[in-house]
């Protein structure tokens, strides 16, 4: 389950940001997960709920997952297409001279925090 490593990596980054910015708490995080990233959202959230209990700033942090559509680009006809429907073959010209342009990433889109009172 590689979701565990990804969750730990995200928590480490967000905890560092929270500490550097002296926030009181991180309350919500939006994570973008590409539909062909091999990250399974249900497993990610299961690990998330377990892992945040061990953090300093994220103990009650809600995690919202935004699934990004996988799109590929055809070098021959310069058109994009849905990767999960057509795989590597362009539906417009039937070429296999294509590449994935989005849909395999895992990104922290944004976080919501509660500031310390002395910062307000």
C-alpha atoms as a PDB file:
ATOM      1  CA  UNK A   1       0.000   0.000   0.000  1.00  0.00           C
ATOM      2  CA  UNK A   2       1.994   2.981  -1.260  1.00  0.00           C
ATOM      3  CA  UNK A   3      -0.757   5.329  -0.026  1.00  0.00           C
ATOM      4  CA  UNK A   4       0.905   5.153   3.396  1.00  0.00           C
ATOM      5  CA  UNK A   5       4.144   6.706   2.112  1.00  0.00           C
ATOM      6  CA  UNK A   6       2.274   9.376   0.176  1.00  0.00           C
ATOM      7  CA  UNK A   7       0.163  10.312   3.196  1.00  0.00           C
ATOM      8  CA  UNK A   8       3.266  10.536   5.406  1.00  0.00           C
ATOM      9  CA  UNK A   9       5.009  12.722   2.823  1.00  0.00           C
ATOM     10  CA  UNK A  10       2.030  15.111   2.588  1.00  0.00           C
ATOM     11  CA  UNK A  11       1.666  15.296   6.374  1.00  0.00           C
ATOM     12  CA  UNK A  12       5.381  16.019   6.760  1.00  0.00           C
ATOM     13  CA  UNK A  13       5.156  18.909   4.258  1.00  0.00           C
ATOM     14  CA  UNK A  14       2.003  20.402   5.791  1.00  0.00           C
ATOM     15  CA  UNK A  15       3.295  20.064   9.361  1.00  0.00           C
ATOM     16  CA  UNK A  16       6.475  21.887   8.316  1.00  0.00           C
ATOM     17  CA  UNK A  17       4.452  24.688   6.683  1.00  0.00           C
ATOM     18  CA  UNK A  18       2.251  24.966   9.784  1.00  0.00           C
ATOM     19  CA  UNK A  19       5.253  25.171  12.106  1.00  0.00           C
ATOM     20  CA  UNK A  20       7.089  27.736   9.934  1.00  0.00           C
ATOM     21  CA  UNK A  21       3.966  29.917   9.809  1.00  0.00           C
ATOM     22  CA  UNK A  22       3.155  29.455  13.508  1.00  0.00           C
ATOM     23  CA  UNK A  23      -0.441  28.381  12.870  1.00  0.00           C
ATOM     24  CA  UNK A  24      -2.631  26.996  15.615  1.00  0.00           C
ATOM     25  CA  UNK A  25      -4.184  24.183  13.576  1.00  0.00           C
ATOM     26  CA  UNK A  26      -4.642  22.874  10.024  1.00  0.00           C
ATOM     27  CA  UNK A  27      -8.359  22.187   9.638  1.00  0.00           C
ATOM     28  CA  UNK A  28      -8.737  21.108   6.014  1.00  0.00           C
ATOM     29  CA  UNK A  29      -6.595  20.030   3.089  1.00  0.00           C
ATOM     30  CA  UNK A  30      -7.579  19.596  -0.544  1.00  0.00           C
ATOM     31  CA  UNK A  31      -5.583  16.928  -2.362  1.00  0.00           C
ATOM     32  CA  UNK A  32      -5.640  16.459  -6.138  1.00  0.00           C
ATOM     33  CA  UNK A  33      -5.220  12.825  -7.175  1.00  0.00           C
ATOM     34  CA  UNK A  34      -4.937  11.893 -10.833  1.00  0.00           C
ATOM     35  CA  UNK A  35      -7.230   9.084 -11.901  1.00  0.00           C
ATOM     36  CA  UNK A  36      -4.275   7.063 -13.265  1.00  0.00           C
ATOM     37  CA  UNK A  37      -1.888   7.915 -10.402  1.00  0.00           C
ATOM     38  CA  UNK A  38      -2.298   4.428  -8.880  1.00  0.00           C
ATOM     39  CA  UNK A  39      -3.426   6.078  -5.627  1.00  0.00           C
ATOM     40  CA  UNK A  40      -6.745   4.645  -4.455  1.00  0.00           C
ATOM     41  CA  UNK A  41      -8.739   7.441  -2.748  1.00  0.00           C
ATOM     42  CA  UNK A  42     -10.480   5.105  -0.270  1.00  0.00           C
ATOM     43  CA  UNK A  43      -7.150   3.648   0.893  1.00  0.00           C
ATOM     44  CA  UNK A  44      -5.634   7.132   1.012  1.00  0.00           C
ATOM     45  CA  UNK A  45      -8.443   8.369   3.299  1.00  0.00           C
ATOM     46  CA  UNK A  46      -8.224   5.292   5.541  1.00  0.00           C
ATOM     47  CA  UNK A  47      -4.496   5.889   6.062  1.00  0.00           C
ATOM     48  CA  UNK A  48      -5.113   9.636   6.445  1.00  0.00           C
ATOM     49  CA  UNK A  49      -7.558   9.162   9.335  1.00  0.00           C
ATOM     50  CA  UNK A  50      -5.066   6.960  11.151  1.00  0.00           C
ATOM     51  CA  UNK A  51      -1.938   9.059  10.451  1.00  0.00           C
ATOM     52  CA  UNK A  52      -3.242  12.524  11.418  1.00  0.00           C
ATOM     53  CA  UNK A  53      -3.810  11.353  14.997  1.00  0.00           C
ATOM     54  CA  UNK A  54      -0.009  11.338  15.387  1.00  0.00           C
ATOM     55  CA  UNK A  55       0.509  14.944  14.226  1.00  0.00           C
ATOM     56  CA  UNK A  56       0.956  18.229  16.036  1.00  0.00           C
ATOM     57  CA  UNK A  57      -1.132  20.551  13.832  1.00  0.00           C
ATOM     58  CA  UNK A  58      -3.451  18.210  11.905  1.00  0.00           C
ATOM     59  CA  UNK A  59      -5.179  16.007  14.504  1.00  0.00           C
ATOM     60  CA  UNK A  60      -8.671  17.002  13.271  1.00  0.00           C
ATOM     61  CA  UNK A  61      -7.781  17.865   9.686  1.00  0.00           C
ATOM     62  CA  UNK A  62     -10.412  17.032   7.097  1.00  0.00           C
ATOM     63  CA  UNK A  63      -9.062  15.691   3.797  1.00  0.00           C
ATOM     64  CA  UNK A  64     -10.953  16.417   0.590  1.00  0.00           C
ATOM     65  CA  UNK A  65      -9.898  14.523  -2.515  1.00  0.00           C
ATOM     66  CA  UNK A  66     -10.325  16.031  -5.961  1.00  0.00           C
ATOM     67  CA  UNK A  67      -9.909  13.428  -8.713  1.00  0.00           C
ATOM     68  CA  UNK A  68      -8.166  14.831 -11.788  1.00  0.00           C
ATOM     69  CA  UNK A  69      -9.189  13.438 -15.166  1.00  0.00           C
ATOM     70  CA  UNK A  70      -6.440  11.702 -17.121  1.00  0.00           C
ATOM     71  CA  UNK A  71      -5.869  13.345 -20.500  1.00  0.00           C
ATOM     72  CA  UNK A  72      -3.441  12.408 -23.240  1.00  0.00           C
ATOM     73  CA  UNK A  73      -2.141  14.429 -26.182  1.00  0.00           C
ATOM     74  CA  UNK A  74      -1.611  13.209 -29.734  1.00  0.00           C
ATOM     75  CA  UNK A  75       1.550  14.455 -31.438  1.00  0.00           C
ATOM     76  CA  UNK A  76       0.119  13.682 -34.887  1.00  0.00           C
ATOM     77  CA  UNK A  77      -3.210  15.538 -34.813  1.00  0.00           C
ATOM     78  CA  UNK A  78      -2.489  17.815 -31.798  1.00  0.00           C
ATOM     79  CA  UNK A  79      -5.745  16.862 -30.039  1.00  0.00           C
ATOM     80  CA  UNK A  80      -6.357  15.703 -26.470  1.00  0.00           C
ATOM     81  CA  UNK A  81      -8.436  12.733 -25.391  1.00  0.00           C
ATOM     82  CA  UNK A  82      -9.576  10.896 -22.267  1.00  0.00           C
ATOM     83  CA  UNK A  83      -6.849   8.423 -21.378  1.00  0.00           C
ATOM     84  CA  UNK A  84      -9.044   6.044 -19.382  1.00  0.00           C
ATOM     85  CA  UNK A  85     -11.387   5.606 -22.344  1.00  0.00           C
ATOM     86  CA  UNK A  86      -8.875   5.310 -25.185  1.00  0.00           C
ATOM     87  CA  UNK A  87      -5.598   4.325 -23.477  1.00  0.00           C
ATOM     88  CA  UNK A  88      -2.647   5.213 -25.731  1.00  0.00           C
ATOM     89  CA  UNK A  89      -4.483   5.260 -29.091  1.00  0.00           C
ATOM     90  CA  UNK A  90      -5.792   8.632 -30.263  1.00  0.00           C
ATOM     91  CA  UNK A  91      -9.512   8.343 -31.076  1.00  0.00           C
ATOM     92  CA  UNK A  92      -9.226  11.176 -33.619  1.00  0.00           C
ATOM     93  CA  UNK A  93      -6.484   9.814 -35.901  1.00  0.00           C
ATOM     94  CA  UNK A  94      -5.737   6.327 -34.441  1.00  0.00           C
ATOM     95  CA  UNK A  95      -2.084   7.185 -33.823  1.00  0.00           C
ATOM     96  CA  UNK A  96      -0.159   5.781 -30.873  1.00  0.00           C
ATOM     97  CA  UNK A  97       2.220   8.765 -30.959  1.00  0.00           C
ATOM     98  CA  UNK A  98       0.659  10.099 -27.746  1.00  0.00           C
ATOM     99  CA  UNK A  99       1.603  10.986 -24.190  1.00  0.00           C
ATOM    100  CA  UNK A 100      -0.126  11.617 -20.878  1.00  0.00           C
ATOM    101  CA  UNK A 101      -0.460  15.313 -20.034  1.00  0.00           C
ATOM    102  CA  UNK A 102      -2.429  15.103 -16.786  1.00  0.00           C
ATOM    103  CA  UNK A 103      -3.909  12.527 -14.484  1.00  0.00           C
ATOM    104  CA  UNK A 104      -0.949  10.796 -12.831  1.00  0.00           C
ATOM    105  CA  UNK A 105      -0.160  13.438 -10.211  1.00  0.00           C
ATOM    106  CA  UNK A 106      -0.813  13.832  -6.487  1.00  0.00           C
ATOM    107  CA  UNK A 107      -0.808  17.484  -5.392  1.00  0.00           C
ATOM    108  CA  UNK A 108      -1.596  19.508  -2.307  1.00  0.00           C
ATOM    109  CA  UNK A 109      -4.037  22.018  -3.794  1.00  0.00           C
ATOM    110  CA  UNK A 110      -4.562  24.114  -0.664  1.00  0.00           C
ATOM    111  CA  UNK A 111      -4.916  24.007   3.089  1.00  0.00           C
ATOM    112  CA  UNK A 112      -7.149  25.799   5.580  1.00  0.00           C
ATOM    113  CA  UNK A 113      -5.791  26.844   8.949  1.00  0.00           C
ATOM    114  CA  UNK A 114      -6.657  28.468  12.241  1.00  0.00           C
ATOM    115  CA  UNK A 115      -4.175  31.211  13.051  1.00  0.00           C
ATOM    116  CA  UNK A 116      -2.703  31.707  16.491  1.00  0.00           C
ATOM    117  CA  UNK A 117      -4.344  34.640  18.249  1.00  0.00           C
ATOM    118  CA  UNK A 118      -1.121  36.652  18.406  1.00  0.00           C
ATOM    119  CA  UNK A 119      -0.974  36.572  14.575  1.00  0.00           C
ATOM    120  CA  UNK A 120      -4.527  37.925  14.084  1.00  0.00           C
END
